[in-house]
């Protein structure tokens, strides 16, 4: 399976406000991207479930991992990076 760029999104809830945190990363599958997003949610919440972390006044909740194929009409093509050890 070829690698794909994914947009990962977490909703940050802080009292009555909500903010988005996004990151773009490369994964082999949607399942791998989702697992990463959920693992990051745990780390961002100091290992606590979001509902429990919210008692501190804020929490992170993983929203989605969406594949990204293009940006503003430009197609994204991934190529291996060449470095001194392989070329």
PDB file of N, CA and C in Angstrom:
ATOM      1  N   UNK A   1       0.847  -1.178   0.000  1.00  0.00           N
ATOM      2  CA  UNK A   1       0.000   0.000   0.000  1.00  0.00           C
ATOM      3  C   UNK A   1       0.892   1.241   0.000  1.00  0.00           C
ATOM      4  N   UNK A   2       0.515   2.252  -0.786  1.00  0.00           N
ATOM      5  CA  UNK A   2       1.335   3.453  -0.872  1.00  0.00           C
ATOM      6  C   UNK A   2       1.020   4.412   0.273  1.00  0.00           C
ATOM      7  N   UNK A   3       1.979   5.230   0.556  1.00  0.00           N
ATOM      8  CA  UNK A   3       1.822   6.193   1.648  1.00  0.00           C
ATOM      9  C   UNK A   3       0.904   7.338   1.220  1.00  0.00           C
ATOM     10  N   UNK A   4       0.245   7.933   2.208  1.00  0.00           N
ATOM     11  CA  UNK A   4      -0.743   8.984   1.957  1.00  0.00           C
ATOM     12  C   UNK A   4      -0.602  10.073   3.010  1.00  0.00           C
ATOM     13  N   UNK A   5      -0.802  11.316   2.616  1.00  0.00           N
ATOM     14  CA  UNK A   5      -0.825  12.430   3.569  1.00  0.00           C
ATOM     15  C   UNK A   5      -2.212  12.466   4.205  1.00  0.00           C
ATOM     16  N   UNK A   6      -2.242  12.610   5.516  1.00  0.00           N
ATOM     17  CA  UNK A   6      -3.506  12.713   6.260  1.00  0.00           C
ATOM     18  C   UNK A   6      -3.511  13.989   7.070  1.00  0.00           C
ATOM     19  N   UNK A   7      -4.666  14.640   7.104  1.00  0.00           N
ATOM     20  CA  UNK A   7      -4.877  15.746   8.019  1.00  0.00           C
ATOM     21  C   UNK A   7      -5.506  15.163   9.281  1.00  0.00           C
ATOM     22  N   UNK A   8      -4.854  15.369  10.402  1.00  0.00           N
ATOM     23  CA  UNK A   8      -5.359  14.917  11.697  1.00  0.00           C
ATOM     24  C   UNK A   8      -5.925  16.133  12.418  1.00  0.00           C
ATOM     25  N   UNK A   9      -7.050  15.953  13.075  1.00  0.00           N
ATOM     26  CA  UNK A   9      -7.701  17.080  13.734  1.00  0.00           C
ATOM     27  C   UNK A   9      -8.143  16.689  15.140  1.00  0.00           C
ATOM     28  N   UNK A  10      -7.824  17.560  16.104  1.00  0.00           N
ATOM     29  CA  UNK A  10      -8.276  17.409  17.486  1.00  0.00           C
ATOM     30  C   UNK A  10      -9.078  18.650  17.854  1.00  0.00           C
ATOM     31  N   UNK A  11     -10.177  18.458  18.543  1.00  0.00           N
ATOM     32  CA  UNK A  11     -10.962  19.578  19.061  1.00  0.00           C
ATOM     33  C   UNK A  11     -10.485  19.832  20.484  1.00  0.00           C
ATOM     34  N   UNK A  12     -10.134  21.065  20.763  1.00  0.00           N
ATOM     35  CA  UNK A  12      -9.724  21.467  22.107  1.00  0.00           C
ATOM     36  C   UNK A  12     -10.922  22.170  22.735  1.00  0.00           C
ATOM     37  N   UNK A  13     -11.427  21.614  23.798  1.00  0.00           N
ATOM     38  CA  UNK A  13     -12.573  22.215  24.495  1.00  0.00           C
ATOM     39  C   UNK A  13     -12.061  22.899  25.758  1.00  0.00           C
ATOM     40  N   UNK A  14     -12.392  24.159  25.862  1.00  0.00           N
ATOM     41  CA  UNK A  14     -11.953  24.969  26.998  1.00  0.00           C
ATOM     42  C   UNK A  14     -13.138  25.807  27.460  1.00  0.00           C
ATOM     43  N   UNK A  15     -13.747  25.396  28.549  1.00  0.00           N
ATOM     44  CA  UNK A  15     -14.974  26.022  29.039  1.00  0.00           C
ATOM     45  C   UNK A  15     -16.012  26.024  27.919  1.00  0.00           C
ATOM     46  N   UNK A  16     -16.520  27.196  27.526  1.00  0.00           N
ATOM     47  CA  UNK A  16     -17.539  27.222  26.483  1.00  0.00           C
ATOM     48  C   UNK A  16     -16.940  27.399  25.085  1.00  0.00           C
ATOM     49  N   UNK A  17     -15.606  27.436  24.979  1.00  0.00           N
ATOM     50  CA  UNK A  17     -14.936  27.649  23.700  1.00  0.00           C
ATOM     51  C   UNK A  17     -14.430  26.332  23.124  1.00  0.00           C
ATOM     52  N   UNK A  18     -14.334  26.284  21.806  1.00  0.00           N
ATOM     53  CA  UNK A  18     -13.729  25.144  21.106  1.00  0.00           C
ATOM     54  C   UNK A  18     -12.740  25.679  20.090  1.00  0.00           C
ATOM     55  N   UNK A  19     -11.594  25.012  19.998  1.00  0.00           N
ATOM     56  CA  UNK A  19     -10.557  25.350  19.042  1.00  0.00           C
ATOM     57  C   UNK A  19     -10.166  24.070  18.305  1.00  0.00           C
ATOM     58  N   UNK A  20      -9.548  24.217  17.155  1.00  0.00           N
ATOM     59  CA  UNK A  20      -9.055  23.061  16.406  1.00  0.00           C
ATOM     60  C   UNK A  20      -7.538  23.054  16.392  1.00  0.00           C
ATOM     61  N   UNK A  21      -6.997  21.878  16.520  1.00  0.00           N
ATOM     62  CA  UNK A  21      -5.558  21.667  16.351  1.00  0.00           C
ATOM     63  C   UNK A  21      -5.427  20.671  15.211  1.00  0.00           C
ATOM     64  N   UNK A  22      -4.662  21.021  14.198  1.00  0.00           N
ATOM     65  CA  UNK A  22      -4.481  20.116  13.064  1.00  0.00           C
ATOM     66  C   UNK A  22      -3.009  19.844  12.823  1.00  0.00           C
ATOM     67  N   UNK A  23      -2.750  18.723  12.193  1.00  0.00           N
ATOM     68  CA  UNK A  23      -1.402  18.353  11.790  1.00  0.00           C
ATOM     69  C   UNK A  23      -1.513  17.512  10.532  1.00  0.00           C
ATOM     70  N   UNK A  24      -0.535  17.619   9.679  1.00  0.00           N
ATOM     71  CA  UNK A  24      -0.458  16.772   8.483  1.00  0.00           C
ATOM     72  C   UNK A  24       0.687  15.796   8.692  1.00  0.00           C
ATOM     73  N   UNK A  25       0.398  14.515   8.483  1.00  0.00           N
ATOM     74  CA  UNK A  25       1.410  13.466   8.631  1.00  0.00           C
ATOM     75  C   UNK A  25       1.208  12.433   7.534  1.00  0.00           C
ATOM     76  N   UNK A  26       2.230  11.622   7.317  1.00  0.00           N
ATOM     77  CA  UNK A  26       2.193  10.574   6.293  1.00  0.00           C
ATOM     78  C   UNK A  26       2.025   9.215   6.971  1.00  0.00           C
ATOM     79  N   UNK A  27       1.047   8.437   6.478  1.00  0.00           N
ATOM     80  CA  UNK A  27       0.771   7.103   7.013  1.00  0.00           C
ATOM     81  C   UNK A  27       0.540   6.121   5.874  1.00  0.00           C
ATOM     82  N   UNK A  28       0.604   4.833   6.203  1.00  0.00           N
ATOM     83  CA  UNK A  28       0.341   3.768   5.232  1.00  0.00           C
ATOM     84  C   UNK A  28      -1.152   3.513   5.060  1.00  0.00           C
ATOM     85  N   UNK A  29      -1.974   3.861   6.065  1.00  0.00           N
ATOM     86  CA  UNK A  29      -3.407   3.553   5.986  1.00  0.00           C
ATOM     87  C   UNK A  29      -4.205   4.493   6.877  1.00  0.00           C
ATOM     88  N   UNK A  30      -5.515   4.528   6.615  1.00  0.00           N
ATOM     89  CA  UNK A  30      -6.413   5.334   7.445  1.00  0.00           C
ATOM     90  C   UNK A  30      -6.444   4.805   8.878  1.00  0.00           C
ATOM     91  N   UNK A  31      -6.368   3.484   9.023  1.00  0.00           N
ATOM     92  CA  UNK A  31      -6.361   2.884  10.358  1.00  0.00           C
ATOM     93  C   UNK A  31      -5.144   3.304  11.165  1.00  0.00           C
ATOM     94  N   UNK A  32      -3.992   3.359  10.506  1.00  0.00           N
ATOM     95  CA  UNK A  32      -2.765   3.794  11.182  1.00  0.00           C
ATOM     96  C   UNK A  32      -2.865   5.269  11.581  1.00  0.00           C
ATOM     97  N   UNK A  33      -3.446   6.094  10.707  1.00  0.00           N
ATOM     98  CA  UNK A  33      -3.611   7.518  11.004  1.00  0.00           C
ATOM     99  C   UNK A  33      -4.554   7.717  12.187  1.00  0.00           C
ATOM    100  N   UNK A  34      -5.658   6.981  12.202  1.00  0.00           N
ATOM    101  CA  UNK A  34      -6.621   7.095  13.300  1.00  0.00           C
ATOM    102  C   UNK A  34      -6.002   6.643  14.623  1.00  0.00           C
ATOM    103  N   UNK A  35      -5.255   5.530  14.578  1.00  0.00           N
ATOM    104  CA  UNK A  35      -4.598   5.034  15.797  1.00  0.00           C
ATOM    105  C   UNK A  35      -3.627   6.074  16.346  1.00  0.00           C
ATOM    106  N   UNK A  36      -2.879   6.734  15.452  1.00  0.00           N
ATOM    107  CA  UNK A  36      -1.959   7.787  15.873  1.00  0.00           C
ATOM    108  C   UNK A  36      -2.732   8.941  16.525  1.00  0.00           C
ATOM    109  N   UNK A  37      -3.841   9.358  15.889  1.00  0.00           N
ATOM    110  CA  UNK A  37      -4.644  10.455  16.425  1.00  0.00           C
ATOM    111  C   UNK A  37      -5.177  10.154  17.815  1.00  0.00           C
ATOM    112  N   UNK A  38      -5.645   8.936  18.006  1.00  0.00           N
ATOM    113  CA  UNK A  38      -6.159   8.547  19.321  1.00  0.00           C
ATOM    114  C   UNK A  38      -5.037   8.448  20.357  1.00  0.00           C
ATOM    115  N   UNK A  39      -3.863   7.956  19.939  1.00  0.00           N
ATOM    116  CA  UNK A  39      -2.718   7.874  20.843  1.00  0.00           C
ATOM    117  C   UNK A  39      -2.284   9.288  21.269  1.00  0.00           C
ATOM    118  N   UNK A  40      -2.274  10.213  20.308  1.00  0.00           N
ATOM    119  CA  UNK A  40      -1.929  11.605  20.619  1.00  0.00           C
ATOM    120  C   UNK A  40      -2.955  12.225  21.568  1.00  0.00           C
ATOM    121  N   UNK A  41      -4.227  11.885  21.380  1.00  0.00           N
ATOM    122  CA  UNK A  41      -5.273  12.380  22.283  1.00  0.00           C
ATOM    123  C   UNK A  41      -4.942  11.994  23.717  1.00  0.00           C
ATOM    124  N   UNK A  42      -4.532  10.760  23.922  1.00  0.00           N
ATOM    125  CA  UNK A  42      -4.156  10.305  25.258  1.00  0.00           C
ATOM    126  C   UNK A  42      -2.983  11.079  25.816  1.00  0.00           C
ATOM    127  N   UNK A  43      -1.975  11.324  24.980  1.00  0.00           N
ATOM    128  CA  UNK A  43      -0.806  12.073  25.440  1.00  0.00           C
ATOM    129  C   UNK A  43      -1.155  13.532  25.736  1.00  0.00           C
ATOM    130  N   UNK A  44      -1.963  14.137  24.872  1.00  0.00           N
ATOM    131  CA  UNK A  44      -2.352  15.534  25.080  1.00  0.00           C
ATOM    132  C   UNK A  44      -3.205  15.712  26.335  1.00  0.00           C
ATOM    133  N   UNK A  45      -3.925  14.680  26.707  1.00  0.00           N
ATOM    134  CA  UNK A  45      -4.776  14.714  27.911  1.00  0.00           C
ATOM    135  C   UNK A  45      -4.068  14.111  29.125  1.00  0.00           C
ATOM    136  N   UNK A  46      -2.747  14.012  29.066  1.00  0.00           N
ATOM    137  CA  UNK A  46      -1.961  13.478  30.186  1.00  0.00           C
ATOM    138  C   UNK A  46      -2.393  12.077  30.591  1.00  0.00           C
ATOM    139  N   UNK A  47      -2.832  11.273  29.601  1.00  0.00           N
ATOM    140  CA  UNK A  47      -3.218   9.895  29.868  1.00  0.00           C
ATOM    141  C   UNK A  47      -4.632   9.717  30.392  1.00  0.00           C
ATOM    142  N   UNK A  48      -5.363  10.811  30.536  1.00  0.00           N
ATOM    143  CA  UNK A  48      -6.737  10.739  31.057  1.00  0.00           C
ATOM    144  C   UNK A  48      -7.745  10.727  29.909  1.00  0.00           C
ATOM    145  N   UNK A  49      -8.920  10.115  30.106  1.00  0.00           N
ATOM    146  CA  UNK A  49      -9.989  10.232  29.115  1.00  0.00           C
ATOM    147  C   UNK A  49     -10.406  11.698  28.996  1.00  0.00           C
ATOM    148  N   UNK A  50     -10.861  12.145  27.816  1.00  0.00           N
ATOM    149  CA  UNK A  50     -11.245  13.555  27.649  1.00  0.00           C
ATOM    150  C   UNK A  50     -12.238  14.059  28.690  1.00  0.00           C
ATOM    151  N   UNK A  51     -13.245  13.255  29.033  1.00  0.00           N
ATOM    152  CA  UNK A  51     -14.237  13.708  30.013  1.00  0.00           C
ATOM    153  C   UNK A  51     -13.615  13.948  31.384  1.00  0.00           C
ATOM    154  N   UNK A  52     -12.634  13.134  31.738  1.00  0.00           N
ATOM    155  CA  UNK A  52     -11.964  13.301  33.028  1.00  0.00           C
ATOM    156  C   UNK A  52     -10.998  14.484  32.987  1.00  0.00           C
ATOM    157  N   UNK A  53     -10.297  14.642  31.873  1.00  0.00           N
ATOM    158  CA  UNK A  53      -9.357  15.754  31.725  1.00  0.00           C
ATOM    159  C   UNK A  53     -10.084  17.098  31.726  1.00  0.00           C
ATOM    160  N   UNK A  54     -11.331  17.114  31.262  1.00  0.00           N
ATOM    161  CA  UNK A  54     -12.079  18.373  31.177  1.00  0.00           C
ATOM    162  C   UNK A  54     -12.274  19.027  32.543  1.00  0.00           C
ATOM    163  N   UNK A  55     -12.119  18.267  33.616  1.00  0.00           N
ATOM    164  CA  UNK A  55     -12.214  18.857  34.954  1.00  0.00           C
ATOM    165  C   UNK A  55     -11.100  19.868  35.198  1.00  0.00           C
ATOM    166  N   UNK A  56      -9.998  19.768  34.418  1.00  0.00           N
ATOM    167  CA  UNK A  56      -8.909  20.739  34.517  1.00  0.00           C
ATOM    168  C   UNK A  56      -9.236  22.032  33.768  1.00  0.00           C
ATOM    169  N   UNK A  57     -10.387  22.088  33.096  1.00  0.00           N
ATOM    170  CA  UNK A  57     -10.775  23.289  32.364  1.00  0.00           C
ATOM    171  C   UNK A  57     -10.612  23.163  30.861  1.00  0.00           C
ATOM    172  N   UNK A  58      -9.973  22.097  30.402  1.00  0.00           N
ATOM    173  CA  UNK A  58      -9.809  21.891  28.964  1.00  0.00           C
ATOM    174  C   UNK A  58      -9.573  20.415  28.694  1.00  0.00           C
ATOM    175  N   UNK A  59      -9.784  20.011  27.452  1.00  0.00           N
ATOM    176  CA  UNK A  59      -9.450  18.656  27.042  1.00  0.00           C
ATOM    177  C   UNK A  59      -9.298  18.609  25.534  1.00  0.00           C
ATOM    178  N   UNK A  60      -8.611  17.593  25.053  1.00  0.00           N
ATOM    179  CA  UNK A  60      -8.434  17.343  23.624  1.00  0.00           C
ATOM    180  C   UNK A  60      -9.272  16.126  23.253  1.00  0.00           C
ATOM    181  N   UNK A  61      -9.981  16.224  22.140  1.00  0.00           N
ATOM    182  CA  UNK A  61     -10.759  15.092  21.637  1.00  0.00           C
ATOM    183  C   UNK A  61     -10.420  14.902  20.161  1.00  0.00           C
ATOM    184  N   UNK A  62      -9.938  13.698  19.805  1.00  0.00           N
ATOM    185  CA  UNK A  62      -9.598  13.412  18.414  1.00  0.00           C
ATOM    186  C   UNK A  62     -10.856  13.464  17.566  1.00  0.00           C
ATOM    187  N   UNK A  63     -10.801  14.185  16.466  1.00  0.00           N
ATOM    188  CA  UNK A  63     -11.956  14.352  15.597  1.00  0.00           C
ATOM    189  C   UNK A  63     -11.890  13.455  14.364  1.00  0.00           C
ATOM    190  N   UNK A  64     -10.803  13.572  13.585  1.00  0.00           N
ATOM    191  CA  UNK A  64     -10.737  12.784  12.353  1.00  0.00           C
ATOM    192  C   UNK A  64      -9.318  12.727  11.788  1.00  0.00           C
ATOM    193  N   UNK A  65      -9.135  11.760  10.904  1.00  0.00           N
ATOM    194  CA  UNK A  65      -7.944  11.650  10.071  1.00  0.00           C
ATOM    195  C   UNK A  65      -8.461  11.574   8.634  1.00  0.00           C
ATOM    196  N   UNK A  66      -8.175  12.617   7.860  1.00  0.00           N
ATOM    197  CA  UNK A  66      -8.725  12.715   6.509  1.00  0.00           C
ATOM    198  C   UNK A  66      -7.595  12.683   5.490  1.00  0.00           C
ATOM    199  N   UNK A  67      -7.691  11.802   4.477  1.00  0.00           N
ATOM    200  CA  UNK A  67      -6.640  11.779   3.454  1.00  0.00           C
ATOM    201  C   UNK A  67      -6.658  13.074   2.638  1.00  0.00           C
ATOM    202  N   UNK A  68      -5.483  13.566   2.317  1.00  0.00           N
ATOM    203  CA  UNK A  68      -5.330  14.792   1.528  1.00  0.00           C
ATOM    204  C   UNK A  68      -4.650  14.422   0.211  1.00  0.00           C
ATOM    205  N   UNK A  69      -5.351  14.663  -0.895  1.00  0.00           N
ATOM    206  CA  UNK A  69      -4.807  14.368  -2.223  1.00  0.00           C
ATOM    207  C   UNK A  69      -4.359  15.624  -2.956  1.00  0.00           C
ATOM    208  N   UNK A  70      -4.996  16.755  -2.625  1.00  0.00           N
ATOM    209  CA  UNK A  70      -4.654  17.989  -3.326  1.00  0.00           C
ATOM    210  C   UNK A  70      -4.891  19.189  -2.419  1.00  0.00           C
ATOM    211  N   UNK A  71      -4.223  20.274  -2.775  1.00  0.00           N
ATOM    212  CA  UNK A  71      -4.374  21.541  -2.065  1.00  0.00           C
ATOM    213  C   UNK A  71      -4.499  22.634  -3.125  1.00  0.00           C
ATOM    214  N   UNK A  72      -5.606  23.354  -3.083  1.00  0.00           N
ATOM    215  CA  UNK A  72      -5.850  24.456  -4.021  1.00  0.00           C
ATOM    216  C   UNK A  72      -5.616  24.049  -5.476  1.00  0.00           C
ATOM    217  N   UNK A  73      -6.063  22.868  -5.836  1.00  0.00           N
ATOM    218  CA  UNK A  73      -5.939  22.405  -7.216  1.00  0.00           C
ATOM    219  C   UNK A  73      -4.589  21.802  -7.563  1.00  0.00           C
ATOM    220  N   UNK A  74      -3.688  21.709  -6.593  1.00  0.00           N
ATOM    221  CA  UNK A  74      -2.373  21.112  -6.815  1.00  0.00           C
ATOM    222  C   UNK A  74      -2.357  19.718  -6.200  1.00  0.00           C
ATOM    223  N   UNK A  75      -1.994  18.727  -6.993  1.00  0.00           N
ATOM    224  CA  UNK A  75      -1.942  17.347  -6.540  1.00  0.00           C
ATOM    225  C   UNK A  75      -0.702  17.121  -5.677  1.00  0.00           C
ATOM    226  N   UNK A  76      -0.866  16.364  -4.599  1.00  0.00           N
ATOM    227  CA  UNK A  76       0.255  16.031  -3.715  1.00  0.00           C
ATOM    228  C   UNK A  76       0.828  14.686  -4.146  1.00  0.00           C
ATOM    229  N   UNK A  77       2.125  14.675  -4.439  1.00  0.00           N
ATOM    230  CA  UNK A  77       2.815  13.447  -4.837  1.00  0.00           C
ATOM    231  C   UNK A  77       3.942  13.213  -3.837  1.00  0.00           C
ATOM    232  N   UNK A  78       3.955  12.034  -3.227  1.00  0.00           N
ATOM    233  CA  UNK A  78       5.004  11.705  -2.262  1.00  0.00           C
ATOM    234  C   UNK A  78       6.112  10.918  -2.954  1.00  0.00           C
ATOM    235  N   UNK A  79       7.321  11.331  -2.705  1.00  0.00           N
ATOM    236  CA  UNK A  79       8.497  10.629  -3.232  1.00  0.00           C
ATOM    237  C   UNK A  79       9.461  10.396  -2.073  1.00  0.00           C
ATOM    238  N   UNK A  80      10.185   9.292  -2.096  1.00  0.00           N
ATOM    239  CA  UNK A  80      11.170   9.070  -1.024  1.00  0.00           C
ATOM    240  C   UNK A  80      12.228  10.163  -1.033  1.00  0.00           C
ATOM    241  N   UNK A  81      12.637  10.553   0.148  1.00  0.00           N
ATOM    242  CA  UNK A  81      13.677  11.581   0.271  1.00  0.00           C
ATOM    243  C   UNK A  81      15.032  10.929   0.083  1.00  0.00           C
ATOM    244  N   UNK A  82      15.868  11.520  -0.744  1.00  0.00           N
ATOM    245  CA  UNK A  82      17.221  11.005  -0.945  1.00  0.00           C
ATOM    246  C   UNK A  82      18.122  11.608   0.131  1.00  0.00           C
ATOM    247  N   UNK A  83      18.975  10.740   0.692  1.00  0.00           N
ATOM    248  CA  UNK A  83      19.954  11.251   1.639  1.00  0.00           C
ATOM    249  C   UNK A  83      21.307  10.614   1.330  1.00  0.00           C
ATOM    250  N   UNK A  84      22.329  10.985   2.028  1.00  0.00           N
ATOM    251  CA  UNK A  84      23.682  10.530   1.737  1.00  0.00           C
ATOM    252  C   UNK A  84      23.832   9.022   1.831  1.00  0.00           C
ATOM    253  N   UNK A  85      23.050   8.361   2.679  1.00  0.00           N
ATOM    254  CA  UNK A  85      23.223   6.910   2.877  1.00  0.00           C
ATOM    255  C   UNK A  85      22.591   6.081   1.759  1.00  0.00           C
ATOM    256  N   UNK A  86      21.633   6.647   0.981  1.00  0.00           N
ATOM    257  CA  UNK A  86      21.036   5.835  -0.065  1.00  0.00           C
ATOM    258  C   UNK A  86      21.174   6.460  -1.450  1.00  0.00           C
ATOM    259  N   UNK A  87      22.151   7.282  -1.663  1.00  0.00           N
ATOM    260  CA  UNK A  87      22.247   7.776  -3.004  1.00  0.00           C
ATOM    261  C   UNK A  87      23.333   8.683  -3.273  1.00  0.00           C
TER     262      UNK A  87
END
